[in-house]
Amino acid sequence: MRHPIWQNLVITSGCGKVQRKGEPIEEVYPDDVVCLKPIEKHRHGAVPTDGMTHIAIQENLNCKVVDWREKVTGDRYQE
């Protein structure tokens, strides 16, 4: 996915992963804040062994807040 304007993720519980295109996977934990640049292709979600909750903060541009990309398969998620 990518967003037309900055997106900030505030991790509130659990453990998750964030990956920006071309970058290594980062693990995130409660109280981490992840700042994603405009139109930066990325993915984020929980790890297979734990749930993750987060607050996503983003603005809209022309009434659009996200550009959904391809679905991440279970095998690809394990990378």
C-alpha atoms as a PDB file:
ATOM      1  CA  MET A   1       0.000   0.000   0.000  1.00  0.00           C
ATOM      2  CA  ARG A   2       0.973   3.613  -0.183  1.00  0.00           C
ATOM      3  CA  HIS A   3      -0.562   6.880   0.926  1.00  0.00           C
ATOM      4  CA  PRO A   4      -0.692  10.213  -0.916  1.00  0.00           C
ATOM      5  CA  ILE A   5       0.400  12.083   2.232  1.00  0.00           C
ATOM      6  CA  TRP A   6       2.474  10.987   5.233  1.00  0.00           C
ATOM      7  CA  GLN A   7       1.200   8.124   7.377  1.00  0.00           C
ATOM      8  CA  ASN A   8       2.231   7.710  11.002  1.00  0.00           C
ATOM      9  CA  LEU A   9       1.708   4.434  12.842  1.00  0.00           C
ATOM     10  CA  VAL A  10       1.677   4.405  16.640  1.00  0.00           C
ATOM     11  CA  ILE A  11       2.051   0.829  17.869  1.00  0.00           C
ATOM     12  CA  THR A  12      -0.189   0.334  20.919  1.00  0.00           C
ATOM     13  CA  SER A  13       0.203  -3.389  21.680  1.00  0.00           C
ATOM     14  CA  GLY A  14       1.745  -6.603  20.427  1.00  0.00           C
ATOM     15  CA  CYS A  15       4.545  -7.063  17.951  1.00  0.00           C
ATOM     16  CA  GLY A  16       4.498  -6.335  14.243  1.00  0.00           C
ATOM     17  CA  LYS A  17       6.551  -5.884  11.115  1.00  0.00           C
ATOM     18  CA  VAL A  18       6.963  -2.932   8.784  1.00  0.00           C
ATOM     19  CA  GLN A  19       8.743  -3.050   5.443  1.00  0.00           C
ATOM     20  CA  ARG A  20       9.353  -0.214   3.033  1.00  0.00           C
ATOM     21  CA  LYS A  21      10.012  -1.217  -0.595  1.00  0.00           C
ATOM     22  CA  GLY A  22      13.661  -2.175  -1.038  1.00  0.00           C
ATOM     23  CA  GLU A  23      14.391  -1.967   2.708  1.00  0.00           C
ATOM     24  CA  PRO A  24      14.820  -4.698   5.347  1.00  0.00           C
ATOM     25  CA  ILE A  25      11.875  -5.760   7.512  1.00  0.00           C
ATOM     26  CA  GLU A  26      11.667  -3.909  10.849  1.00  0.00           C
ATOM     27  CA  GLU A  27      10.019  -5.306  13.964  1.00  0.00           C
ATOM     28  CA  VAL A  28       7.868  -2.832  15.867  1.00  0.00           C
ATOM     29  CA  TYR A  29       6.682  -2.869  19.474  1.00  0.00           C
ATOM     30  CA  PRO A  30       4.362  -0.857  21.750  1.00  0.00           C
ATOM     31  CA  ASP A  31       5.175   2.873  21.842  1.00  0.00           C
ATOM     32  CA  ASP A  32       7.121   2.724  18.543  1.00  0.00           C
ATOM     33  CA  VAL A  33       6.147   5.374  16.004  1.00  0.00           C
ATOM     34  CA  VAL A  34       6.704   4.646  12.319  1.00  0.00           C
ATOM     35  CA  CYS A  35       6.668   7.566   9.868  1.00  0.00           C
ATOM     36  CA  LEU A  36       5.986   6.570   6.262  1.00  0.00           C
ATOM     37  CA  LYS A  37       6.680   9.081   3.503  1.00  0.00           C
ATOM     38  CA  PRO A  38       4.101  10.081   0.907  1.00  0.00           C
ATOM     39  CA  ILE A  39       3.671   7.462  -1.845  1.00  0.00           C
ATOM     40  CA  GLU A  40       6.294   5.223  -0.165  1.00  0.00           C
ATOM     41  CA  LYS A  41       5.270   1.646  -1.004  1.00  0.00           C
ATOM     42  CA  HIS A  42       5.178  -0.407   2.202  1.00  0.00           C
ATOM     43  CA  ARG A  43       3.473  -3.180   4.137  1.00  0.00           C
ATOM     44  CA  HIS A  44       2.782  -3.615   7.835  1.00  0.00           C
ATOM     45  CA  GLY A  45       1.041  -6.101  10.088  1.00  0.00           C
ATOM     46  CA  ALA A  46       1.324  -8.459  13.037  1.00  0.00           C
ATOM     47  CA  VAL A  47       3.950 -11.176  13.346  1.00  0.00           C
ATOM     48  CA  PRO A  48       2.660 -14.769  12.917  1.00  0.00           C
ATOM     49  CA  THR A  49       2.917 -15.495  16.662  1.00  0.00           C
ATOM     50  CA  ASP A  50       1.380 -12.292  18.065  1.00  0.00           C
ATOM     51  CA  GLY A  51      -1.300  -9.756  17.317  1.00  0.00           C
ATOM     52  CA  MET A  52      -0.563  -6.078  16.851  1.00  0.00           C
ATOM     53  CA  THR A  53      -2.727  -3.022  17.273  1.00  0.00           C
ATOM     54  CA  HIS A  54      -1.822   0.428  16.070  1.00  0.00           C
ATOM     55  CA  ILE A  55      -3.227   3.857  15.474  1.00  0.00           C
ATOM     56  CA  ALA A  56      -2.784   4.996  11.867  1.00  0.00           C
ATOM     57  CA  ILE A  57      -2.742   8.748  11.305  1.00  0.00           C
ATOM     58  CA  GLN A  58      -2.942  10.087   7.779  1.00  0.00           C
ATOM     59  CA  GLU A  59      -4.440  12.968   5.856  1.00  0.00           C
ATOM     60  CA  ASN A  60      -6.377  12.691   2.632  1.00  0.00           C
ATOM     61  CA  LEU A  61      -5.542  14.141  -0.741  1.00  0.00           C
ATOM     62  CA  ASN A  62      -8.554  14.689  -2.986  1.00  0.00           C
ATOM     63  CA  CYS A  63     -10.615  12.455  -0.661  1.00  0.00           C
ATOM     64  CA  LYS A  64      -8.134   9.556  -0.967  1.00  0.00           C
ATOM     65  CA  VAL A  65      -6.102   8.182   1.977  1.00  0.00           C
ATOM     66  CA  VAL A  66      -4.661   4.936   0.565  1.00  0.00           C
ATOM     67  CA  ASP A  67      -3.691   3.273  -2.689  1.00  0.00           C
ATOM     68  CA  TRP A  68      -4.025  -0.471  -2.101  1.00  0.00           C
ATOM     69  CA  ARG A  69      -1.429  -2.571  -3.884  1.00  0.00           C
ATOM     70  CA  GLU A  70      -1.114  -6.325  -4.389  1.00  0.00           C
ATOM     71  CA  LYS A  71      -2.263  -8.738  -1.673  1.00  0.00           C
ATOM     72  CA  VAL A  72       0.512 -10.229   0.465  1.00  0.00           C
ATOM     73  CA  THR A  73       0.361 -14.036   0.472  1.00  0.00           C
ATOM     74  CA  GLY A  74       1.073 -16.138   3.564  1.00  0.00           C
ATOM     75  CA  ASP A  75       4.364 -17.349   2.090  1.00  0.00           C
ATOM     76  CA  ARG A  76       5.504 -13.842   1.228  1.00  0.00           C
ATOM     77  CA  TYR A  77       4.485 -12.617   4.682  1.00  0.00           C
ATOM     78  CA  GLN A  78       6.962 -15.072   6.231  1.00  0.00           C
ATOM     79  CA  GLU A  79       9.898 -13.346   4.489  1.00  0.00           C
END
